[in-house]
Amino acid sequence: MAYLGDPERLALVGTLDDWVAGVALCRIDSPAARGVLDLCFVEPGARQVGLGQMLLERSLLWFREHGCTGVDGTALPGDREAKQFFESSGFKARLLVMHRPLD
């Protein structure tokens, strides 16, 4: 996915001093006027200092500025940290997708 130069995509980089410690990738699902947070990641050694929250808040601001009516983010099964991160910021689970591989 190309983010640079696309007005419906945003790539954010979070740093601590000169160290790139986090990233957020955002896009707009145009037909639905919905924001999609494709990625919000902070290196384990840089967690608990507010960097992830800063990336998320800046993403939400960008979505609002672009007229989005809501934002979706993904927390993979078993990833309690991601689920708690989203829930602490007001996100609620609205869909659980089940999958079974076929042999």
N, C-alpha and C. Protein backbone atom coordinates (compact mmCIF):
# COMPACT_ATOMS: atom_id res chain seq x y z
N MET A 1 0.83 -1.18 0.00
CA MET A 1 0.00 0.00 0.00
C MET A 1 0.88 1.25 0.00
N ALA A 2 0.62 2.12 -0.91
CA ALA A 2 1.36 3.36 -0.98
C ALA A 2 0.66 4.42 -0.13
N TYR A 3 1.35 4.96 0.83
CA TYR A 3 0.78 5.99 1.70
C TYR A 3 1.21 7.38 1.29
N LEU A 4 2.42 7.51 0.82
CA LEU A 4 2.92 8.84 0.46
C LEU A 4 2.20 9.35 -0.78
N GLY A 5 1.70 10.55 -0.69
CA GLY A 5 1.04 11.18 -1.82
C GLY A 5 -0.43 10.82 -1.98
N ASP A 6 -0.96 9.93 -1.16
CA ASP A 6 -2.37 9.56 -1.23
C ASP A 6 -3.13 10.36 -0.17
N PRO A 7 -4.05 11.24 -0.58
CA PRO A 7 -4.75 12.08 0.40
C PRO A 7 -5.69 11.30 1.32
N GLU A 8 -5.97 10.04 1.00
CA GLU A 8 -6.85 9.23 1.84
C GLU A 8 -6.07 8.25 2.71
N ARG A 9 -4.77 8.48 2.84
CA ARG A 9 -3.91 7.64 3.68
C ARG A 9 -2.96 8.52 4.47
N LEU A 10 -2.62 8.05 5.66
CA LEU A 10 -1.70 8.80 6.51
C LEU A 10 -0.77 7.81 7.20
N ALA A 11 0.52 8.09 7.17
CA ALA A 11 1.51 7.32 7.90
C ALA A 11 2.12 8.22 8.96
N LEU A 12 2.08 7.78 10.20
CA LEU A 12 2.67 8.53 11.31
C LEU A 12 3.82 7.74 11.90
N VAL A 13 4.86 8.44 12.29
CA VAL A 13 6.00 7.82 12.95
C VAL A 13 6.19 8.50 14.30
N GLY A 14 6.31 7.68 15.34
CA GLY A 14 6.55 8.21 16.67
C GLY A 14 7.97 7.94 17.10
N THR A 15 8.63 8.94 17.64
CA THR A 15 10.02 8.78 18.06
C THR A 15 10.19 9.09 19.54
N LEU A 16 11.19 8.48 20.11
CA LEU A 16 11.68 8.81 21.44
C LEU A 16 13.13 9.18 21.25
N ASP A 17 13.44 10.43 21.55
CA ASP A 17 14.75 10.98 21.20
C ASP A 17 14.92 10.82 19.69
N ASP A 18 15.93 10.11 19.23
CA ASP A 18 16.13 9.90 17.79
C ASP A 18 15.76 8.49 17.36
N TRP A 19 15.09 7.75 18.21
CA TRP A 19 14.74 6.35 17.94
C TRP A 19 13.30 6.26 17.44
N VAL A 20 13.11 5.67 16.26
CA VAL A 20 11.76 5.42 15.75
C VAL A 20 11.20 4.26 16.57
N ALA A 21 10.21 4.57 17.40
CA ALA A 21 9.69 3.59 18.35
C ALA A 21 8.26 3.18 18.07
N GLY A 22 7.57 3.87 17.16
CA GLY A 22 6.17 3.54 16.89
C GLY A 22 5.73 4.02 15.53
N VAL A 23 4.63 3.44 15.07
CA VAL A 23 4.08 3.79 13.76
C VAL A 23 2.57 3.60 13.79
N ALA A 24 1.87 4.42 13.03
CA ALA A 24 0.43 4.27 12.82
C ALA A 24 0.16 4.46 11.33
N LEU A 25 -0.65 3.57 10.77
CA LEU A 25 -1.05 3.65 9.37
C LEU A 25 -2.56 3.78 9.31
N CYS A 26 -3.02 4.84 8.67
CA CYS A 26 -4.44 5.17 8.62
C CYS A 26 -4.89 5.28 7.18
N ARG A 27 -6.15 4.91 6.96
CA ARG A 27 -6.74 5.11 5.62
C ARG A 27 -8.23 5.35 5.77
N ILE A 28 -8.78 5.94 4.74
CA ILE A 28 -10.21 6.22 4.71
C ILE A 28 -10.88 5.24 3.76
N ASP A 29 -11.90 4.57 4.26
CA ASP A 29 -12.75 3.72 3.43
C ASP A 29 -13.83 4.64 2.88
N SER A 30 -13.58 5.20 1.70
CA SER A 30 -14.41 6.28 1.15
C SER A 30 -15.89 5.98 1.06
N PRO A 31 -16.31 4.87 0.50
CA PRO A 31 -17.76 4.67 0.38
C PRO A 31 -18.46 4.68 1.73
N ALA A 32 -17.79 4.22 2.77
CA ALA A 32 -18.42 4.13 4.09
C ALA A 32 -18.13 5.34 4.96
N ALA A 33 -17.30 6.26 4.51
CA ALA A 33 -16.86 7.40 5.33
C ALA A 33 -16.36 6.91 6.69
N ARG A 34 -15.63 5.81 6.65
CA ARG A 34 -15.10 5.19 7.86
C ARG A 34 -13.58 5.22 7.82
N GLY A 35 -13.00 5.53 8.97
CA GLY A 35 -11.57 5.47 9.09
C GLY A 35 -11.13 4.06 9.44
N VAL A 36 -9.99 3.66 8.94
CA VAL A 36 -9.43 2.35 9.24
C VAL A 36 -8.01 2.55 9.74
N LEU A 37 -7.77 2.10 10.96
CA LEU A 37 -6.43 2.13 11.53
C LEU A 37 -5.80 0.79 11.21
N ASP A 38 -5.02 0.75 10.13
CA ASP A 38 -4.42 -0.50 9.68
C ASP A 38 -3.34 -0.99 10.64
N LEU A 39 -2.69 -0.05 11.30
CA LEU A 39 -1.60 -0.42 12.21
C LEU A 39 -1.38 0.69 13.22
N CYS A 40 -1.21 0.31 14.46
CA CYS A 40 -0.77 1.22 15.51
C CYS A 40 0.14 0.38 16.39
N PHE A 41 1.43 0.55 16.23
CA PHE A 41 2.40 -0.32 16.90
C PHE A 41 3.47 0.52 17.57
N VAL A 42 3.81 0.11 18.79
CA VAL A 42 4.92 0.72 19.52
C VAL A 42 5.84 -0.41 19.98
N GLU A 43 7.13 -0.21 19.78
CA GLU A 43 8.11 -1.21 20.21
C GLU A 43 7.93 -1.52 21.70
N PRO A 44 8.06 -2.80 22.07
CA PRO A 44 7.85 -3.17 23.48
C PRO A 44 8.66 -2.33 24.47
N GLY A 45 9.89 -1.99 24.16
CA GLY A 45 10.72 -1.21 25.06
C GLY A 45 10.29 0.24 25.21
N ALA A 46 9.34 0.69 24.37
CA ALA A 46 8.90 2.08 24.41
C ALA A 46 7.45 2.22 24.85
N ARG A 47 6.88 1.13 25.31
CA ARG A 47 5.48 1.17 25.76
C ARG A 47 5.38 1.75 27.16
N GLN A 48 4.18 2.14 27.50
CA GLN A 48 3.87 2.69 28.82
C GLN A 48 4.40 4.10 29.04
N VAL A 49 4.74 4.81 27.95
CA VAL A 49 5.15 6.21 28.10
C VAL A 49 4.21 7.16 27.34
N GLY A 50 3.15 6.61 26.73
CA GLY A 50 2.16 7.44 26.06
C GLY A 50 2.34 7.61 24.56
N LEU A 51 3.34 6.98 23.97
CA LEU A 51 3.59 7.14 22.54
C LEU A 51 2.44 6.57 21.72
N GLY A 52 1.95 5.39 22.08
CA GLY A 52 0.83 4.80 21.35
C GLY A 52 -0.41 5.67 21.43
N GLN A 53 -0.67 6.22 22.60
CA GLN A 53 -1.84 7.09 22.77
C GLN A 53 -1.69 8.34 21.92
N MET A 54 -0.49 8.89 21.83
CA MET A 54 -0.26 10.07 20.99
C MET A 54 -0.49 9.74 19.52
N LEU A 55 -0.01 8.59 19.07
CA LEU A 55 -0.23 8.18 17.68
C LEU A 55 -1.72 8.00 17.41
N LEU A 56 -2.42 7.37 18.34
CA LEU A 56 -3.85 7.14 18.17
C LEU A 56 -4.61 8.46 18.16
N GLU A 57 -4.31 9.36 19.09
CA GLU A 57 -5.01 10.65 19.13
C GLU A 57 -4.80 11.45 17.86
N ARG A 58 -3.58 11.46 17.35
CA ARG A 58 -3.31 12.18 16.09
C ARG A 58 -4.05 11.53 14.93
N SER A 59 -4.13 10.19 14.93
CA SER A 59 -4.88 9.48 13.89
C SER A 59 -6.36 9.86 13.95
N LEU A 60 -6.93 9.85 15.15
CA LEU A 60 -8.35 10.18 15.31
C LEU A 60 -8.65 11.61 14.85
N LEU A 61 -7.74 12.52 15.14
CA LEU A 61 -7.89 13.91 14.69
C LEU A 61 -7.92 13.96 13.16
N TRP A 62 -7.01 13.25 12.52
CA TRP A 62 -6.95 13.22 11.06
C TRP A 62 -8.23 12.64 10.48
N PHE A 63 -8.74 11.56 11.09
CA PHE A 63 -10.00 10.98 10.61
C PHE A 63 -11.14 11.98 10.73
N ARG A 64 -11.22 12.68 11.86
CA ARG A 64 -12.28 13.69 12.04
C ARG A 64 -12.16 14.79 10.98
N GLU A 65 -10.94 15.26 10.76
CA GLU A 65 -10.71 16.32 9.78
C GLU A 65 -11.14 15.90 8.37
N HIS A 66 -11.14 14.59 8.12
CA HIS A 66 -11.51 14.09 6.79
C HIS A 66 -12.95 13.56 6.74
N GLY A 67 -13.76 13.90 7.75
CA GLY A 67 -15.18 13.60 7.72
C GLY A 67 -15.58 12.17 8.01
N CYS A 68 -14.70 11.41 8.61
CA CYS A 68 -15.04 10.02 8.93
C CYS A 68 -16.08 9.98 10.05
N THR A 69 -16.98 9.03 9.97
CA THR A 69 -18.04 8.89 10.96
C THR A 69 -17.68 7.90 12.06
N GLY A 70 -16.63 7.15 11.88
CA GLY A 70 -16.16 6.18 12.86
C GLY A 70 -14.82 5.63 12.44
N VAL A 71 -14.19 4.88 13.32
CA VAL A 71 -12.87 4.32 13.05
C VAL A 71 -12.86 2.85 13.47
N ASP A 72 -12.31 2.01 12.61
CA ASP A 72 -12.11 0.60 12.93
C ASP A 72 -10.62 0.33 13.11
N GLY A 73 -10.31 -0.48 14.10
CA GLY A 73 -8.95 -0.95 14.32
C GLY A 73 -9.02 -2.44 14.60
N THR A 74 -7.93 -3.14 14.42
CA THR A 74 -7.91 -4.59 14.58
C THR A 74 -7.04 -4.99 15.75
N ALA A 75 -7.58 -5.87 16.57
CA ALA A 75 -6.81 -6.53 17.62
C ALA A 75 -6.92 -8.03 17.35
N LEU A 76 -5.82 -8.67 17.13
CA LEU A 76 -5.83 -10.09 16.79
C LEU A 76 -6.21 -10.94 18.00
N PRO A 77 -6.79 -12.11 17.76
CA PRO A 77 -7.16 -12.99 18.88
C PRO A 77 -5.97 -13.25 19.81
N GLY A 78 -6.21 -13.13 21.09
CA GLY A 78 -5.17 -13.38 22.08
C GLY A 78 -4.30 -12.17 22.38
N ASP A 79 -4.44 -11.10 21.61
CA ASP A 79 -3.62 -9.91 21.84
C ASP A 79 -4.33 -9.00 22.84
N ARG A 80 -4.25 -9.34 24.11
CA ARG A 80 -4.94 -8.60 25.16
C ARG A 80 -4.46 -7.15 25.25
N GLU A 81 -3.16 -6.95 25.05
CA GLU A 81 -2.62 -5.58 25.13
C GLU A 81 -3.28 -4.67 24.10
N ALA A 82 -3.42 -5.16 22.86
CA ALA A 82 -4.05 -4.35 21.81
C ALA A 82 -5.51 -4.11 22.14
N LYS A 83 -6.21 -5.14 22.59
CA LYS A 83 -7.63 -5.00 22.94
C LYS A 83 -7.80 -3.98 24.06
N GLN A 84 -6.98 -4.08 25.09
CA GLN A 84 -7.07 -3.14 26.21
C GLN A 84 -6.71 -1.72 25.77
N PHE A 85 -5.72 -1.60 24.89
CA PHE A 85 -5.34 -0.29 24.37
C PHE A 85 -6.52 0.37 23.67
N PHE A 86 -7.16 -0.37 22.76
CA PHE A 86 -8.31 0.18 22.05
C PHE A 86 -9.46 0.49 23.00
N GLU A 87 -9.78 -0.43 23.91
CA GLU A 87 -10.88 -0.21 24.83
C GLU A 87 -10.64 1.00 25.73
N SER A 88 -9.40 1.21 26.14
CA SER A 88 -9.10 2.37 26.99
C SER A 88 -9.27 3.69 26.24
N SER A 89 -9.35 3.62 24.92
CA SER A 89 -9.54 4.81 24.09
C SER A 89 -10.96 4.91 23.55
N GLY A 90 -11.87 4.11 24.09
CA GLY A 90 -13.27 4.22 23.70
C GLY A 90 -13.73 3.29 22.59
N PHE A 91 -12.85 2.44 22.10
CA PHE A 91 -13.26 1.49 21.06
C PHE A 91 -14.04 0.35 21.70
N LYS A 92 -14.98 -0.21 20.93
CA LYS A 92 -15.76 -1.37 21.37
C LYS A 92 -15.72 -2.42 20.27
N ALA A 93 -15.64 -3.68 20.66
CA ALA A 93 -15.67 -4.77 19.68
C ALA A 93 -17.05 -4.78 19.04
N ARG A 94 -17.09 -4.90 17.71
CA ARG A 94 -18.38 -4.95 17.03
C ARG A 94 -18.50 -6.14 16.10
N LEU A 95 -17.41 -6.90 15.94
CA LEU A 95 -17.45 -8.05 15.07
C LEU A 95 -16.32 -8.99 15.44
N LEU A 96 -16.65 -10.23 15.56
CA LEU A 96 -15.65 -11.26 15.79
C LEU A 96 -15.67 -12.16 14.57
N VAL A 97 -14.57 -12.27 13.87
CA VAL A 97 -14.49 -13.09 12.66
C VAL A 97 -13.85 -14.41 13.02
N MET A 98 -14.54 -15.47 12.73
CA MET A 98 -14.02 -16.82 12.97
C MET A 98 -13.45 -17.35 11.66
N HIS A 99 -12.42 -18.17 11.74
CA HIS A 99 -11.76 -18.70 10.55
C HIS A 99 -11.36 -20.14 10.78
N ARG A 100 -11.51 -20.96 9.76
CA ARG A 100 -11.03 -22.34 9.81
C ARG A 100 -10.32 -22.61 8.49
N PRO A 101 -9.03 -22.98 8.58
CA PRO A 101 -8.34 -23.32 7.33
C PRO A 101 -8.86 -24.65 6.79
N LEU A 102 -8.87 -24.77 5.49
CA LEU A 102 -9.28 -26.02 4.86
C LEU A 102 -8.05 -26.77 4.38
N ASP A 103 -8.03 -28.05 4.63
CA ASP A 103 -6.89 -28.89 4.20
C ASP A 103 -6.99 -29.20 2.72
